[in-house]
Amino acid sequence: MTSRYNTTRKDMSTMVDYLNRGALSTFNSSTQQNFLSVCSATINQTYYHNGSGILPVGGDVVKDGSGNWLAAGYYRVGDGSKYIRIMSSVGVVQGLNDCA
């Protein structure tokens, strides 16, 4: 079967990401931080996660507005009383933790 559309693998990946975006939830966050600075970081970003809660938890995947996975590091989230840790290069959250 031949397609009447001339699409590339990147086009298809972008389309699938766009279609899946409706299933993602937004959350407010800081930019990537280290452990010592995360709980004092400014929350000035909007990111997306695939979990069912308001904030991402362990095992959820987080992305930025361009569909890129968030880099490994610490991110202050929500109202600033919590942070997430990402340990992989594919945006998987290790856990949601309380700021002290």
C-alpha atoms as a PDB file:
ATOM      1  CA  MET A   1       0.000   0.000   0.000  1.00  0.00           C
ATOM      2  CA  THR A   2       1.399   3.380  -0.912  1.00  0.00           C
ATOM      3  CA  SER A   3       0.677   6.633   0.832  1.00  0.00           C
ATOM      4  CA  ARG A   4      -0.589   9.617  -1.040  1.00  0.00           C
ATOM      5  CA  TYR A   5       1.253  11.830   1.450  1.00  0.00           C
ATOM      6  CA  ASN A   6       4.973  12.468   1.343  1.00  0.00           C
ATOM      7  CA  THR A   7       5.891  12.395   5.049  1.00  0.00           C
ATOM      8  CA  THR A   8       9.151  11.750   6.813  1.00  0.00           C
ATOM      9  CA  ARG A   9       9.762   9.865  10.047  1.00  0.00           C
ATOM     10  CA  LYS A  10      10.255  13.232  11.816  1.00  0.00           C
ATOM     11  CA  ASP A  11       6.901  14.469  10.488  1.00  0.00           C
ATOM     12  CA  MET A  12       5.194  11.360  11.820  1.00  0.00           C
ATOM     13  CA  SER A  13       6.932  11.672  15.190  1.00  0.00           C
ATOM     14  CA  THR A  14       5.823  15.298  15.461  1.00  0.00           C
ATOM     15  CA  MET A  15       2.264  14.365  14.541  1.00  0.00           C
ATOM     16  CA  VAL A  16       2.131  11.545  17.102  1.00  0.00           C
ATOM     17  CA  ASP A  17       3.526  13.885  19.769  1.00  0.00           C
ATOM     18  CA  TYR A  18       0.891  16.486  18.879  1.00  0.00           C
ATOM     19  CA  LEU A  19      -1.895  13.922  19.071  1.00  0.00           C
ATOM     20  CA  ASN A  20      -0.640  12.608  22.426  1.00  0.00           C
ATOM     21  CA  ARG A  21      -0.254  16.066  23.914  1.00  0.00           C
ATOM     22  CA  GLY A  22      -3.984  16.161  24.682  1.00  0.00           C
ATOM     23  CA  ALA A  23      -3.403  13.386  27.236  1.00  0.00           C
ATOM     24  CA  LEU A  24      -0.691  15.345  29.053  1.00  0.00           C
ATOM     25  CA  SER A  25      -1.219  17.548  32.115  1.00  0.00           C
ATOM     26  CA  THR A  26       0.530  20.878  32.676  1.00  0.00           C
ATOM     27  CA  PHE A  27       2.399  21.852  35.827  1.00  0.00           C
ATOM     28  CA  ASN A  28       4.428  24.868  36.933  1.00  0.00           C
ATOM     29  CA  SER A  29       8.112  24.431  37.631  1.00  0.00           C
ATOM     30  CA  SER A  30      11.531  25.992  37.920  1.00  0.00           C
ATOM     31  CA  THR A  31      14.264  25.378  35.401  1.00  0.00           C
ATOM     32  CA  GLN A  32      16.779  22.575  36.022  1.00  0.00           C
ATOM     33  CA  GLN A  33      18.597  22.982  39.355  1.00  0.00           C
ATOM     34  CA  ASN A  34      21.041  21.115  41.567  1.00  0.00           C
ATOM     35  CA  PHE A  35      19.986  19.648  44.917  1.00  0.00           C
ATOM     36  CA  LEU A  36      21.309  22.560  46.998  1.00  0.00           C
ATOM     37  CA  SER A  37      19.405  25.252  45.086  1.00  0.00           C
ATOM     38  CA  VAL A  38      16.167  23.553  44.050  1.00  0.00           C
ATOM     39  CA  CYS A  39      13.969  24.683  46.968  1.00  0.00           C
ATOM     40  CA  SER A  40      14.896  28.343  46.493  1.00  0.00           C
ATOM     41  CA  ALA A  41      14.514  28.333  42.702  1.00  0.00           C
ATOM     42  CA  THR A  42      11.979  30.581  40.974  1.00  0.00           C
ATOM     43  CA  ILE A  43       8.986  28.836  39.449  1.00  0.00           C
ATOM     44  CA  ASN A  44       8.713  30.341  35.973  1.00  0.00           C
ATOM     45  CA  GLN A  45       8.155  27.454  33.546  1.00  0.00           C
ATOM     46  CA  THR A  46       5.211  25.372  32.345  1.00  0.00           C
ATOM     47  CA  TYR A  47       5.954  21.742  31.586  1.00  0.00           C
ATOM     48  CA  TYR A  48       3.872  18.646  30.777  1.00  0.00           C
ATOM     49  CA  HIS A  49       3.585  15.200  32.362  1.00  0.00           C
ATOM     50  CA  ASN A  50       1.767  11.997  31.512  1.00  0.00           C
ATOM     51  CA  GLY A  51       0.569  11.176  35.032  1.00  0.00           C
ATOM     52  CA  SER A  52      -2.952  11.381  36.385  1.00  0.00           C
ATOM     53  CA  GLY A  53      -2.238  13.806  39.235  1.00  0.00           C
ATOM     54  CA  ILE A  54      -1.749  17.558  39.370  1.00  0.00           C
ATOM     55  CA  LEU A  55       2.020  17.134  39.817  1.00  0.00           C
ATOM     56  CA  PRO A  56       4.261  14.454  38.304  1.00  0.00           C
ATOM     57  CA  VAL A  57       5.262  11.556  40.550  1.00  0.00           C
ATOM     58  CA  GLY A  58       7.713   8.672  40.289  1.00  0.00           C
ATOM     59  CA  GLY A  59       7.524   6.944  36.922  1.00  0.00           C
ATOM     60  CA  ASP A  60       5.817   9.833  35.109  1.00  0.00           C
ATOM     61  CA  VAL A  61       7.525  11.316  32.054  1.00  0.00           C
ATOM     62  CA  VAL A  62       7.929  15.092  31.794  1.00  0.00           C
ATOM     63  CA  LYS A  63       8.430  17.233  28.687  1.00  0.00           C
ATOM     64  CA  ASP A  64       8.788  20.881  27.794  1.00  0.00           C
ATOM     65  CA  GLY A  65       6.517  22.819  25.435  1.00  0.00           C
ATOM     66  CA  SER A  66       8.503  21.642  22.407  1.00  0.00           C
ATOM     67  CA  GLY A  67       8.020  17.988  23.317  1.00  0.00           C
ATOM     68  CA  ASN A  68      11.597  17.481  24.529  1.00  0.00           C
ATOM     69  CA  TRP A  69      12.213  15.410  27.649  1.00  0.00           C
ATOM     70  CA  LEU A  70      13.420  17.393  30.636  1.00  0.00           C
ATOM     71  CA  ALA A  71      17.088  16.932  31.440  1.00  0.00           C
ATOM     72  CA  ALA A  72      18.292  15.096  34.513  1.00  0.00           C
ATOM     73  CA  GLY A  73      18.290  17.304  37.593  1.00  0.00           C
ATOM     74  CA  TYR A  74      16.003  18.796  40.218  1.00  0.00           C
ATOM     75  CA  TYR A  75      12.936  20.947  39.514  1.00  0.00           C
ATOM     76  CA  ARG A  76      10.864  22.905  42.038  1.00  0.00           C
ATOM     77  CA  VAL A  77       7.176  22.333  41.230  1.00  0.00           C
ATOM     78  CA  GLY A  78       3.631  23.420  42.004  1.00  0.00           C
ATOM     79  CA  ASP A  79       3.324  26.027  44.747  1.00  0.00           C
ATOM     80  CA  GLY A  80       7.033  25.678  45.551  1.00  0.00           C
ATOM     81  CA  SER A  81       6.680  23.326  48.505  1.00  0.00           C
ATOM     82  CA  LYS A  82       7.815  20.285  46.484  1.00  0.00           C
ATOM     83  CA  TYR A  83      10.437  19.247  43.956  1.00  0.00           C
ATOM     84  CA  ILE A  84      10.929  16.405  41.503  1.00  0.00           C
ATOM     85  CA  ARG A  85      14.137  14.605  40.630  1.00  0.00           C
ATOM     86  CA  ILE A  86      14.812  13.385  37.118  1.00  0.00           C
ATOM     87  CA  MET A  87      17.656  10.909  36.817  1.00  0.00           C
ATOM     88  CA  SER A  88      17.411   9.826  33.194  1.00  0.00           C
ATOM     89  CA  SER A  89      17.872  11.504  29.848  1.00  0.00           C
ATOM     90  CA  VAL A  90      14.305  10.610  28.865  1.00  0.00           C
ATOM     91  CA  GLY A  91      12.501  12.732  31.448  1.00  0.00           C
ATOM     92  CA  VAL A  92      11.432   9.994  33.870  1.00  0.00           C
ATOM     93  CA  VAL A  93      10.639  11.317  37.347  1.00  0.00           C
ATOM     94  CA  GLN A  94      12.289   9.453  40.214  1.00  0.00           C
ATOM     95  CA  GLY A  95       9.995  10.966  42.825  1.00  0.00           C
ATOM     96  CA  LEU A  96       8.064  13.925  44.193  1.00  0.00           C
ATOM     97  CA  ASN A  97       9.676  15.256  47.363  1.00  0.00           C
ATOM     98  CA  ASP A  98       8.994  17.947  49.988  1.00  0.00           C
ATOM     99  CA  CYS A  99      11.156  21.046  50.265  1.00  0.00           C
ATOM    100  CA  ALA A 100      12.358  21.439  53.860  1.00  0.00           C
END
